[in-house]
Amino acid sequence: MSVLIELHLTWMRAAGRSPGTVNDRRRLLLAADRTLPYGIDTASAAELAEFLAVPEWGAWTRATYFRHFAGFYRWAAGGADPYISFDPIAELGSPRNPESVPNPVTDEQLRIALERSPEPWSTAIRLAAYAGLRAGEIRRIRREHVERDYLTVWHGKGDRTKALPTHAEIWRVVEARPAGLLVTNTHGDELDIANRQRDHFRQLGMPDVHMHRFRHWFGTMLLREGADLRTVQLLMRHKSLQTTQGYLEISDPRRVAAVATLPVFAALVGAR
């Protein structure tokens, strides 16, 4: 393992970066160090481009990995006494951040996922669908963080800590749990949701489902059931109200009804 990785992670902790961000960067850098031909210290721009070009990765995954690499190499090649002589990631164009469009699961998909998922996946899905937690937050949440009336998301996105109302369905499944992580692998450690979810949902016959779509269901249903936009923003923990407004676009029944009123003329039916 590259000594630079641990040095960089220590620097991140000293800079006050959230434990989740540090852990995510550690996993990526270690994977890259094992995969790149000569390790991460001497990687070329072409080698990093090949690493990032995995066809199965979505645009968000690729953009996130690029940002982790950029942070590492900016640190390693910067300062008065740099550890490496150049920044290879700087030669690559930054991937375009895709526009965030809500993509909630359907009610039926949520029902099937809950019925067919054993633990710890069933608890993970409930935390996403009934509290709007992100995968990284689900991975770290502990029984001690959940009370009957509220649950606390420690060091969430942006290193923000927030308290959220506890849905009765979440309390029902966690009330009798012992202290410790709520979602774990067979060894009792954090479940690697990001890398395991694809296989899990494929086994359920739901290849297009992933954990973040349950969070999208949370936000969409709040609006559909009458919550105002500001309340949904607070519960989703969106920094920008504009992000929350995307959920309004797909949950407003008036828009659906308006489109349904458009007339269809017989001469146009079947026309190309």
C-alpha atoms as a PDB file:
ATOM      1  CA  MET A   1       0.000   0.000   0.000  1.00  0.00           C
ATOM      2  CA  SER A   2       1.201   3.481  -0.821  1.00  0.00           C
ATOM      3  CA  VAL A   3       2.476   5.325   2.251  1.00  0.00           C
ATOM      4  CA  LEU A   4       1.054   8.480   0.700  1.00  0.00           C
ATOM      5  CA  ILE A   5      -2.502   7.229   1.155  1.00  0.00           C
ATOM      6  CA  GLU A   6      -2.309   7.125   4.948  1.00  0.00           C
ATOM      7  CA  LEU A   7      -0.441  10.442   5.024  1.00  0.00           C
ATOM      8  CA  HIS A   8      -3.174  12.002   2.934  1.00  0.00           C
ATOM      9  CA  LEU A   9      -5.947  10.562   5.102  1.00  0.00           C
ATOM     10  CA  THR A  10      -4.234  11.938   8.220  1.00  0.00           C
ATOM     11  CA  TRP A  11      -4.112  15.343   6.550  1.00  0.00           C
ATOM     12  CA  MET A  12      -7.830  15.080   5.746  1.00  0.00           C
ATOM     13  CA  ARG A  13      -8.683  14.283   9.368  1.00  0.00           C
ATOM     14  CA  ALA A  14      -6.553  17.203  10.554  1.00  0.00           C
ATOM     15  CA  ALA A  15      -8.445  19.437   8.114  1.00  0.00           C
ATOM     16  CA  GLY A  16     -11.721  18.373   9.712  1.00  0.00           C
ATOM     17  CA  ARG A  17     -13.107  16.347   6.819  1.00  0.00           C
ATOM     18  CA  SER A  18     -15.992  14.096   7.808  1.00  0.00           C
ATOM     19  CA  PRO A  19     -15.281  10.445   8.736  1.00  0.00           C
ATOM     20  CA  GLY A  20     -17.537   9.318   5.881  1.00  0.00           C
ATOM     21  CA  THR A  21     -15.575  11.317   3.305  1.00  0.00           C
ATOM     22  CA  VAL A  22     -12.274  10.034   4.694  1.00  0.00           C
ATOM     23  CA  ASN A  23     -13.466   6.420   4.575  1.00  0.00           C
ATOM     24  CA  ASP A  24     -14.847   6.773   1.050  1.00  0.00           C
ATOM     25  CA  ARG A  25     -11.584   8.249  -0.197  1.00  0.00           C
ATOM     26  CA  ARG A  26      -9.575   5.552   1.549  1.00  0.00           C
ATOM     27  CA  ARG A  27     -11.554   2.784  -0.169  1.00  0.00           C
ATOM     28  CA  LEU A  28     -11.126   4.340  -3.597  1.00  0.00           C
ATOM     29  CA  LEU A  29      -7.414   5.097  -3.220  1.00  0.00           C
ATOM     30  CA  LEU A  30      -6.658   1.588  -1.954  1.00  0.00           C
ATOM     31  CA  ALA A  31      -8.614   0.035  -4.817  1.00  0.00           C
ATOM     32  CA  ALA A  32      -6.791   2.237  -7.320  1.00  0.00           C
ATOM     33  CA  ASP A  33      -3.403   1.449  -5.775  1.00  0.00           C
ATOM     34  CA  ARG A  34      -4.102  -2.272  -6.236  1.00  0.00           C
ATOM     35  CA  THR A  35      -5.464  -1.879  -9.766  1.00  0.00           C
ATOM     36  CA  LEU A  36      -3.151   0.649 -11.416  1.00  0.00           C
ATOM     37  CA  PRO A  37      -0.101  -0.957 -13.093  1.00  0.00           C
ATOM     38  CA  TYR A  38       2.507   0.731 -10.886  1.00  0.00           C
ATOM     39  CA  GLY A  39       0.376   1.942  -7.999  1.00  0.00           C
ATOM     40  CA  ILE A  40      -1.174   5.290  -7.302  1.00  0.00           C
ATOM     41  CA  ASP A  41       2.085   7.190  -6.647  1.00  0.00           C
ATOM     42  CA  THR A  42       3.344   6.947 -10.243  1.00  0.00           C
ATOM     43  CA  ALA A  43       0.058   6.673 -12.163  1.00  0.00           C
ATOM     44  CA  SER A  44      -0.148   8.455 -15.505  1.00  0.00           C
ATOM     45  CA  ALA A  45      -3.129  10.391 -16.820  1.00  0.00           C
ATOM     46  CA  ALA A  46      -3.793   7.584 -19.325  1.00  0.00           C
ATOM     47  CA  GLU A  47      -3.849   4.952 -16.562  1.00  0.00           C
ATOM     48  CA  LEU A  48      -6.251   7.022 -14.466  1.00  0.00           C
ATOM     49  CA  ALA A  49      -8.470   7.568 -17.514  1.00  0.00           C
ATOM     50  CA  GLU A  50      -8.640   3.816 -18.063  1.00  0.00           C
ATOM     51  CA  PHE A  51      -9.466   3.281 -14.380  1.00  0.00           C
ATOM     52  CA  LEU A  52     -12.342   5.782 -14.595  1.00  0.00           C
ATOM     53  CA  ALA A  53     -13.699   4.434 -17.887  1.00  0.00           C
ATOM     54  CA  VAL A  54     -15.559   1.419 -16.452  1.00  0.00           C
ATOM     55  CA  PRO A  55     -18.741   1.192 -18.594  1.00  0.00           C
ATOM     56  CA  GLU A  56     -20.914  -0.047 -15.714  1.00  0.00           C
ATOM     57  CA  TRP A  57     -20.282   3.047 -13.604  1.00  0.00           C
ATOM     58  CA  GLY A  58     -22.892   5.768 -13.680  1.00  0.00           C
ATOM     59  CA  ALA A  59     -22.087   9.412 -14.281  1.00  0.00           C
ATOM     60  CA  TRP A  60     -22.358  10.280 -10.579  1.00  0.00           C
ATOM     61  CA  THR A  61     -19.976   7.478  -9.589  1.00  0.00           C
ATOM     62  CA  ARG A  62     -17.415   8.545 -12.155  1.00  0.00           C
ATOM     63  CA  ALA A  63     -17.649  12.206 -11.116  1.00  0.00           C
ATOM     64  CA  THR A  64     -17.316  11.290  -7.425  1.00  0.00           C
ATOM     65  CA  TYR A  65     -14.247   9.124  -8.041  1.00  0.00           C
ATOM     66  CA  PHE A  66     -12.679  11.891 -10.125  1.00  0.00           C
ATOM     67  CA  ARG A  67     -13.127  14.361  -7.249  1.00  0.00           C
ATOM     68  CA  HIS A  68     -11.462  11.949  -4.810  1.00  0.00           C
ATOM     69  CA  PHE A  69      -8.488  11.546  -7.158  1.00  0.00           C
ATOM     70  CA  ALA A  70      -8.290  15.304  -7.684  1.00  0.00           C
ATOM     71  CA  GLY A  71      -8.172  15.895  -3.915  1.00  0.00           C
ATOM     72  CA  PHE A  72      -5.431  13.323  -3.432  1.00  0.00           C
ATOM     73  CA  TYR A  73      -3.183  14.476  -6.271  1.00  0.00           C
ATOM     74  CA  ARG A  74      -3.706  18.177  -5.525  1.00  0.00           C
ATOM     75  CA  TRP A  75      -2.428  17.474  -2.011  1.00  0.00           C
ATOM     76  CA  ALA A  76       0.425  15.178  -3.107  1.00  0.00           C
ATOM     77  CA  ALA A  77       1.738  17.529  -5.825  1.00  0.00           C
ATOM     78  CA  GLY A  78       1.134  20.778  -3.946  1.00  0.00           C
ATOM     79  CA  GLY A  79       2.817  22.695  -1.173  1.00  0.00           C
ATOM     80  CA  ALA A  80       6.389  23.840  -0.711  1.00  0.00           C
ATOM     81  CA  ASP A  81       7.736  20.276  -0.551  1.00  0.00           C
ATOM     82  CA  PRO A  82       5.479  18.083  -2.770  1.00  0.00           C
ATOM     83  CA  TYR A  83       5.513  14.296  -2.516  1.00  0.00           C
ATOM     84  CA  ILE A  84       5.180  13.777  -6.282  1.00  0.00           C
ATOM     85  CA  SER A  85       6.470  15.887  -9.147  1.00  0.00           C
ATOM     86  CA  PHE A  86       3.229  16.336 -11.127  1.00  0.00           C
ATOM     87  CA  ASP A  87      -0.547  16.025 -10.880  1.00  0.00           C
ATOM     88  CA  PRO A  88      -1.716  13.427 -13.439  1.00  0.00           C
ATOM     89  CA  ILE A  89      -5.442  13.987 -12.877  1.00  0.00           C
ATOM     90  CA  ALA A  90      -5.042  17.633 -13.939  1.00  0.00           C
ATOM     91  CA  GLU A  91      -4.476  16.418 -17.513  1.00  0.00           C
ATOM     92  CA  LEU A  92      -7.959  14.878 -17.616  1.00  0.00           C
ATOM     93  CA  GLY A  93     -11.079  16.867 -18.212  1.00  0.00           C
ATOM     94  CA  SER A  94     -13.375  16.851 -15.211  1.00  0.00           C
ATOM     95  CA  PRO A  95     -16.428  14.642 -15.861  1.00  0.00           C
ATOM     96  CA  ARG A  96     -19.628  16.578 -16.295  1.00  0.00           C
ATOM     97  CA  ASN A  97     -21.826  16.443 -13.217  1.00  0.00           C
ATOM     98  CA  PRO A  98     -25.157  15.055 -14.423  1.00  0.00           C
ATOM     99  CA  GLU A  99     -28.245  17.076 -13.627  1.00  0.00           C
ATOM    100  CA  SER A 100     -29.958  15.547 -10.628  1.00  0.00           C
ATOM    101  CA  VAL A 101     -33.397  14.287 -11.658  1.00  0.00           C
ATOM    102  CA  PRO A 102     -35.520  12.512  -9.034  1.00  0.00           C
ATOM    103  CA  ASN A 103     -36.044   8.862  -9.888  1.00  0.00           C
ATOM    104  CA  PRO A 104     -38.145   7.322  -7.105  1.00  0.00           C
ATOM    105  CA  VAL A 105     -39.083   3.675  -6.908  1.00  0.00           C
ATOM    106  CA  THR A 106     -42.758   2.934  -7.330  1.00  0.00           C
ATOM    107  CA  ASP A 107     -44.880   1.954  -4.355  1.00  0.00           C
ATOM    108  CA  GLU A 108     -44.947  -1.590  -5.730  1.00  0.00           C
ATOM    109  CA  GLN A 109     -41.147  -1.727  -6.035  1.00  0.00           C
ATOM    110  CA  LEU A 110     -40.810  -0.609  -2.427  1.00  0.00           C
ATOM    111  CA  ARG A 111     -43.301  -3.251  -1.292  1.00  0.00           C
ATOM    112  CA  ILE A 112     -41.494  -6.027  -3.183  1.00  0.00           C
ATOM    113  CA  ALA A 113     -38.061  -4.894  -2.005  1.00  0.00           C
ATOM    114  CA  LEU A 114     -39.194  -4.973   1.627  1.00  0.00           C
ATOM    115  CA  GLU A 115     -40.941  -8.336   1.275  1.00  0.00           C
ATOM    116  CA  ARG A 116     -38.026 -10.066  -0.451  1.00  0.00           C
ATOM    117  CA  SER A 117     -35.034  -8.484   1.280  1.00  0.00           C
ATOM    118  CA  PRO A 118     -33.542 -10.251   4.304  1.00  0.00           C
ATOM    119  CA  GLU A 119     -31.624  -8.382   6.959  1.00  0.00           C
ATOM    120  CA  PRO A 120     -29.668  -6.189   6.878  1.00  0.00           C
ATOM    121  CA  TRP A 121     -31.096  -4.986   3.561  1.00  0.00           C
ATOM    122  CA  SER A 122     -34.657  -4.647   4.815  1.00  0.00           C
ATOM    123  CA  THR A 123     -33.519  -2.264   7.559  1.00  0.00           C
ATOM    124  CA  ALA A 124     -31.357  -0.345   5.088  1.00  0.00           C
ATOM    125  CA  ILE A 125     -34.303   0.103   2.723  1.00  0.00           C
ATOM    126  CA  ARG A 126     -36.544   1.348   5.549  1.00  0.00           C
ATOM    127  CA  LEU A 127     -33.948   3.903   6.607  1.00  0.00           C
ATOM    128  CA  ALA A 128     -33.775   5.207   3.033  1.00  0.00           C
ATOM    129  CA  ALA A 129     -37.531   5.171   2.370  1.00  0.00           C
ATOM    130  CA  TYR A 130     -38.834   6.386   5.744  1.00  0.00           C
ATOM    131  CA  ALA A 131     -36.032   8.738   6.807  1.00  0.00           C
ATOM    132  CA  GLY A 132     -34.459   9.661   3.471  1.00  0.00           C
ATOM    133  CA  LEU A 133     -30.990   8.523   4.536  1.00  0.00           C
ATOM    134  CA  ARG A 134     -28.205   8.242   1.990  1.00  0.00           C
ATOM    135  CA  ALA A 135     -26.261   4.992   1.603  1.00  0.00           C
ATOM    136  CA  GLY A 136     -23.225   6.329   3.453  1.00  0.00           C
ATOM    137  CA  GLU A 137     -25.421   7.511   6.326  1.00  0.00           C
ATOM    138  CA  ILE A 138     -27.188   4.149   6.524  1.00  0.00           C
ATOM    139  CA  ARG A 139     -23.841   2.404   6.650  1.00  0.00           C
ATOM    140  CA  ARG A 140     -22.821   4.350   9.754  1.00  0.00           C
ATOM    141  CA  ILE A 141     -26.052   4.762  11.721  1.00  0.00           C
ATOM    142  CA  ARG A 142     -26.135   3.049  15.113  1.00  0.00           C
ATOM    143  CA  ARG A 143     -28.954   1.940  17.394  1.00  0.00           C
ATOM    144  CA  GLU A 144     -27.883   4.638  19.856  1.00  0.00           C
ATOM    145  CA  HIS A 145     -28.708   7.256  17.201  1.00  0.00           C
ATOM    146  CA  VAL A 146     -32.387   6.288  17.016  1.00  0.00           C
ATOM    147  CA  GLU A 147     -34.959   7.316  19.614  1.00  0.00           C
ATOM    148  CA  ARG A 148     -38.714   6.824  19.478  1.00  0.00           C
ATOM    149  CA  ASP A 149     -39.334  10.422  18.409  1.00  0.00           C
ATOM    150  CA  TYR A 150     -36.224  11.299  16.437  1.00  0.00           C
ATOM    151  CA  LEU A 151     -33.070   9.876  14.916  1.00  0.00           C
ATOM    152  CA  THR A 152     -29.766  11.673  14.520  1.00  0.00           C
ATOM    153  CA  VAL A 153     -27.680  11.599  11.360  1.00  0.00           C
ATOM    154  CA  TRP A 154     -24.127  12.173  12.528  1.00  0.00           C
ATOM    155  CA  HIS A 155     -21.606  13.554  10.016  1.00  0.00           C
ATOM    156  CA  GLY A 156     -23.968  13.379   7.054  1.00  0.00           C
ATOM    157  CA  LYS A 157     -23.283  14.968   3.682  1.00  0.00           C
ATOM    158  CA  GLY A 158     -21.163  18.079   4.111  1.00  0.00           C
ATOM    159  CA  ASP A 159     -20.244  16.839   7.616  1.00  0.00           C
ATOM    160  CA  ARG A 160     -23.600  18.118   8.861  1.00  0.00           C
ATOM    161  CA  THR A 161     -25.346  16.512  11.842  1.00  0.00           C
ATOM    162  CA  LYS A 162     -29.147  16.636  11.743  1.00  0.00           C
ATOM    163  CA  ALA A 163     -32.059  15.254  13.758  1.00  0.00           C
ATOM    164  CA  LEU A 164     -35.035  13.819  11.885  1.00  0.00           C
ATOM    165  CA  PRO A 165     -38.437  12.521  13.033  1.00  0.00           C
ATOM    166  CA  THR A 166     -38.467   8.748  13.493  1.00  0.00           C
ATOM    167  CA  HIS A 167     -41.129   7.047  11.408  1.00  0.00           C
ATOM    168  CA  ALA A 168     -43.094   4.375  13.281  1.00  0.00           C
ATOM    169  CA  GLU A 169     -41.963   1.732  10.777  1.00  0.00           C
ATOM    170  CA  ILE A 170     -38.311   2.413  11.578  1.00  0.00           C
ATOM    171  CA  TRP A 171     -38.932   2.358  15.324  1.00  0.00           C
ATOM    172  CA  ARG A 172     -40.803  -0.932  15.005  1.00  0.00           C
ATOM    173  CA  VAL A 173     -37.804  -2.726  13.512  1.00  0.00           C
ATOM    174  CA  VAL A 174     -35.032  -1.142  15.612  1.00  0.00           C
ATOM    175  CA  GLU A 175     -36.585  -0.702  19.061  1.00  0.00           C
ATOM    176  CA  ALA A 176     -35.406  -4.086  20.371  1.00  0.00           C
ATOM    177  CA  ARG A 177     -32.008  -3.995  18.660  1.00  0.00           C
ATOM    178  CA  PRO A 178     -28.856  -3.924  20.799  1.00  0.00           C
ATOM    179  CA  ALA A 179     -26.412  -1.040  20.713  1.00  0.00           C
ATOM    180  CA  GLY A 180     -24.175  -0.906  17.666  1.00  0.00           C
ATOM    181  CA  LEU A 181     -24.438  -0.561  13.899  1.00  0.00           C
ATOM    182  CA  LEU A 182     -27.911  -1.225  12.506  1.00  0.00           C
ATOM    183  CA  VAL A 183     -26.741  -2.393   9.073  1.00  0.00           C
ATOM    184  CA  THR A 184     -23.758  -4.757   9.093  1.00  0.00           C
ATOM    185  CA  ASN A 185     -22.114  -7.490   7.059  1.00  0.00           C
ATOM    186  CA  THR A 186     -21.663 -11.056   8.331  1.00  0.00           C
ATOM    187  CA  HIS A 187     -18.606  -9.971  10.342  1.00  0.00           C
ATOM    188  CA  GLY A 188     -20.491  -7.229  12.195  1.00  0.00           C
ATOM    189  CA  ASP A 189     -18.720  -4.453  10.278  1.00  0.00           C
ATOM    190  CA  GLU A 190     -20.232  -1.714   8.110  1.00  0.00           C
ATOM    191  CA  LEU A 191     -22.020  -3.156   5.092  1.00  0.00           C
ATOM    192  CA  ASP A 192     -20.485  -1.908   1.841  1.00  0.00           C
ATOM    193  CA  ILE A 193     -23.845  -0.834   0.440  1.00  0.00           C
ATOM    194  CA  ALA A 194     -22.446   1.019  -2.572  1.00  0.00           C
ATOM    195  CA  ASN A 195     -20.675  -2.045  -3.955  1.00  0.00           C
ATOM    196  CA  ARG A 196     -23.141  -4.713  -2.810  1.00  0.00           C
ATOM    197  CA  GLN A 197     -26.472  -3.152  -3.765  1.00  0.00           C
ATOM    198  CA  ARG A 198     -26.288  -3.991  -7.489  1.00  0.00           C
ATOM    199  CA  ASP A 199     -26.018  -7.717  -6.798  1.00  0.00           C
ATOM    200  CA  HIS A 200     -28.711  -7.612  -4.119  1.00  0.00           C
ATOM    201  CA  PHE A 201     -31.369  -5.966  -6.279  1.00  0.00           C
ATOM    202  CA  ARG A 202     -30.491  -8.087  -9.291  1.00  0.00           C
ATOM    203  CA  GLN A 203     -31.162 -11.155  -7.167  1.00  0.00           C
ATOM    204  CA  LEU A 204     -34.586  -9.704  -6.394  1.00  0.00           C
ATOM    205  CA  GLY A 205     -35.289  -9.283 -10.102  1.00  0.00           C
ATOM    206  CA  MET A 206     -35.027  -5.486  -9.804  1.00  0.00           C
ATOM    207  CA  PRO A 207     -31.845  -4.577 -11.742  1.00  0.00           C
ATOM    208  CA  ASP A 208     -32.814  -0.920 -12.160  1.00  0.00           C
ATOM    209  CA  VAL A 209     -33.312  -0.296  -8.427  1.00  0.00           C
ATOM    210  CA  HIS A 210     -30.632   1.149  -6.170  1.00  0.00           C
ATOM    211  CA  MET A 211     -30.706   2.533  -2.639  1.00  0.00           C
ATOM    212  CA  HIS A 212     -30.866   6.210  -3.581  1.00  0.00           C
ATOM    213  CA  ARG A 213     -34.171   5.635  -5.375  1.00  0.00           C
ATOM    214  CA  PHE A 214     -35.777   4.854  -1.992  1.00  0.00           C
ATOM    215  CA  ARG A 215     -34.572   8.241  -0.743  1.00  0.00           C
ATOM    216  CA  HIS A 216     -36.176   9.766  -3.846  1.00  0.00           C
ATOM    217  CA  TRP A 217     -39.422   7.975  -2.953  1.00  0.00           C
ATOM    218  CA  PHE A 218     -39.222   9.593   0.503  1.00  0.00           C
ATOM    219  CA  GLY A 219     -39.024  13.112  -0.926  1.00  0.00           C
ATOM    220  CA  THR A 220     -41.607  12.530  -3.633  1.00  0.00           C
ATOM    221  CA  MET A 221     -44.160  11.025  -1.252  1.00  0.00           C
ATOM    222  CA  LEU A 222     -43.763  13.855   1.247  1.00  0.00           C
ATOM    223  CA  LEU A 223     -44.763  16.350  -1.437  1.00  0.00           C
ATOM    224  CA  ARG A 224     -47.503  14.128  -2.808  1.00  0.00           C
ATOM    225  CA  GLU A 225     -49.038  13.838   0.653  1.00  0.00           C
ATOM    226  CA  GLY A 226     -49.150  17.603   1.111  1.00  0.00           C
ATOM    227  CA  ALA A 227     -45.897  18.653   2.820  1.00  0.00           C
ATOM    228  CA  ASP A 228     -44.730  22.117   1.769  1.00  0.00           C
ATOM    229  CA  LEU A 229     -41.522  22.565  -0.189  1.00  0.00           C
ATOM    230  CA  ARG A 230     -39.532  24.079   2.688  1.00  0.00           C
ATOM    231  CA  THR A 231     -40.441  21.187   5.003  1.00  0.00           C
ATOM    232  CA  VAL A 232     -39.337  18.668   2.388  1.00  0.00           C
ATOM    233  CA  GLN A 233     -36.075  20.555   1.904  1.00  0.00           C
ATOM    234  CA  LEU A 234     -35.357  20.322   5.628  1.00  0.00           C
ATOM    235  CA  LEU A 235     -36.246  16.622   5.832  1.00  0.00           C
ATOM    236  CA  MET A 236     -34.227  15.768   2.706  1.00  0.00           C
ATOM    237  CA  ARG A 237     -31.392  17.947   4.053  1.00  0.00           C
ATOM    238  CA  HIS A 238     -30.905  19.656   0.716  1.00  0.00           C
ATOM    239  CA  LYS A 239     -28.625  22.665   0.861  1.00  0.00           C
ATOM    240  CA  SER A 240     -30.456  24.284  -2.038  1.00  0.00           C
ATOM    241  CA  LEU A 241     -34.220  24.658  -2.412  1.00  0.00           C
ATOM    242  CA  GLN A 242     -33.694  24.236  -6.166  1.00  0.00           C
ATOM    243  CA  THR A 243     -32.697  20.608  -5.600  1.00  0.00           C
ATOM    244  CA  THR A 244     -35.928  19.969  -3.724  1.00  0.00           C
ATOM    245  CA  GLN A 245     -38.016  21.609  -6.448  1.00  0.00           C
ATOM    246  CA  GLY A 246     -37.149  18.748  -8.780  1.00  0.00           C
ATOM    247  CA  TYR A 247     -39.289  16.481  -6.610  1.00  0.00           C
ATOM    248  CA  LEU A 248     -42.228  18.849  -7.003  1.00  0.00           C
ATOM    249  CA  GLU A 249     -42.069  18.437 -10.776  1.00  0.00           C
ATOM    250  CA  ILE A 250     -42.835  14.721 -10.598  1.00  0.00           C
ATOM    251  CA  SER A 251     -45.217  14.721  -7.635  1.00  0.00           C
ATOM    252  CA  ASP A 252     -47.726  17.438  -8.532  1.00  0.00           C
ATOM    253  CA  PRO A 253     -50.978  15.720  -9.608  1.00  0.00           C
ATOM    254  CA  ARG A 254     -52.159  18.944 -11.235  1.00  0.00           C
ATOM    255  CA  ARG A 255     -49.455  18.634 -13.880  1.00  0.00           C
ATOM    256  CA  VAL A 256     -50.478  15.073 -14.635  1.00  0.00           C
ATOM    257  CA  ALA A 257     -54.123  16.089 -14.859  1.00  0.00           C
ATOM    258  CA  ALA A 258     -53.285  19.035 -17.121  1.00  0.00           C
ATOM    259  CA  VAL A 259     -51.451  16.851 -19.640  1.00  0.00           C
ATOM    260  CA  ALA A 260     -54.274  14.286 -19.581  1.00  0.00           C
ATOM    261  CA  THR A 261     -56.755  16.938 -20.779  1.00  0.00           C
ATOM    262  CA  LEU A 262     -55.004  17.406 -24.137  1.00  0.00           C
ATOM    263  CA  PRO A 263     -57.246  16.148 -26.953  1.00  0.00           C
ATOM    264  CA  VAL A 264     -56.285  13.261 -29.218  1.00  0.00           C
ATOM    265  CA  PHE A 265     -57.454  13.499 -32.829  1.00  0.00           C
ATOM    266  CA  ALA A 266     -58.271  10.316 -34.702  1.00  0.00           C
ATOM    267  CA  ALA A 267     -56.124  11.310 -37.680  1.00  0.00           C
ATOM    268  CA  LEU A 268     -53.059  11.512 -35.442  1.00  0.00           C
ATOM    269  CA  VAL A 269     -53.441   8.132 -33.803  1.00  0.00           C
ATOM    270  CA  GLY A 270     -50.635   5.870 -34.938  1.00  0.00           C
ATOM    271  CA  ALA A 271     -48.907   8.683 -36.838  1.00  0.00           C
ATOM    272  CA  ARG A 272     -45.143   8.767 -36.728  1.00  0.00           C
END
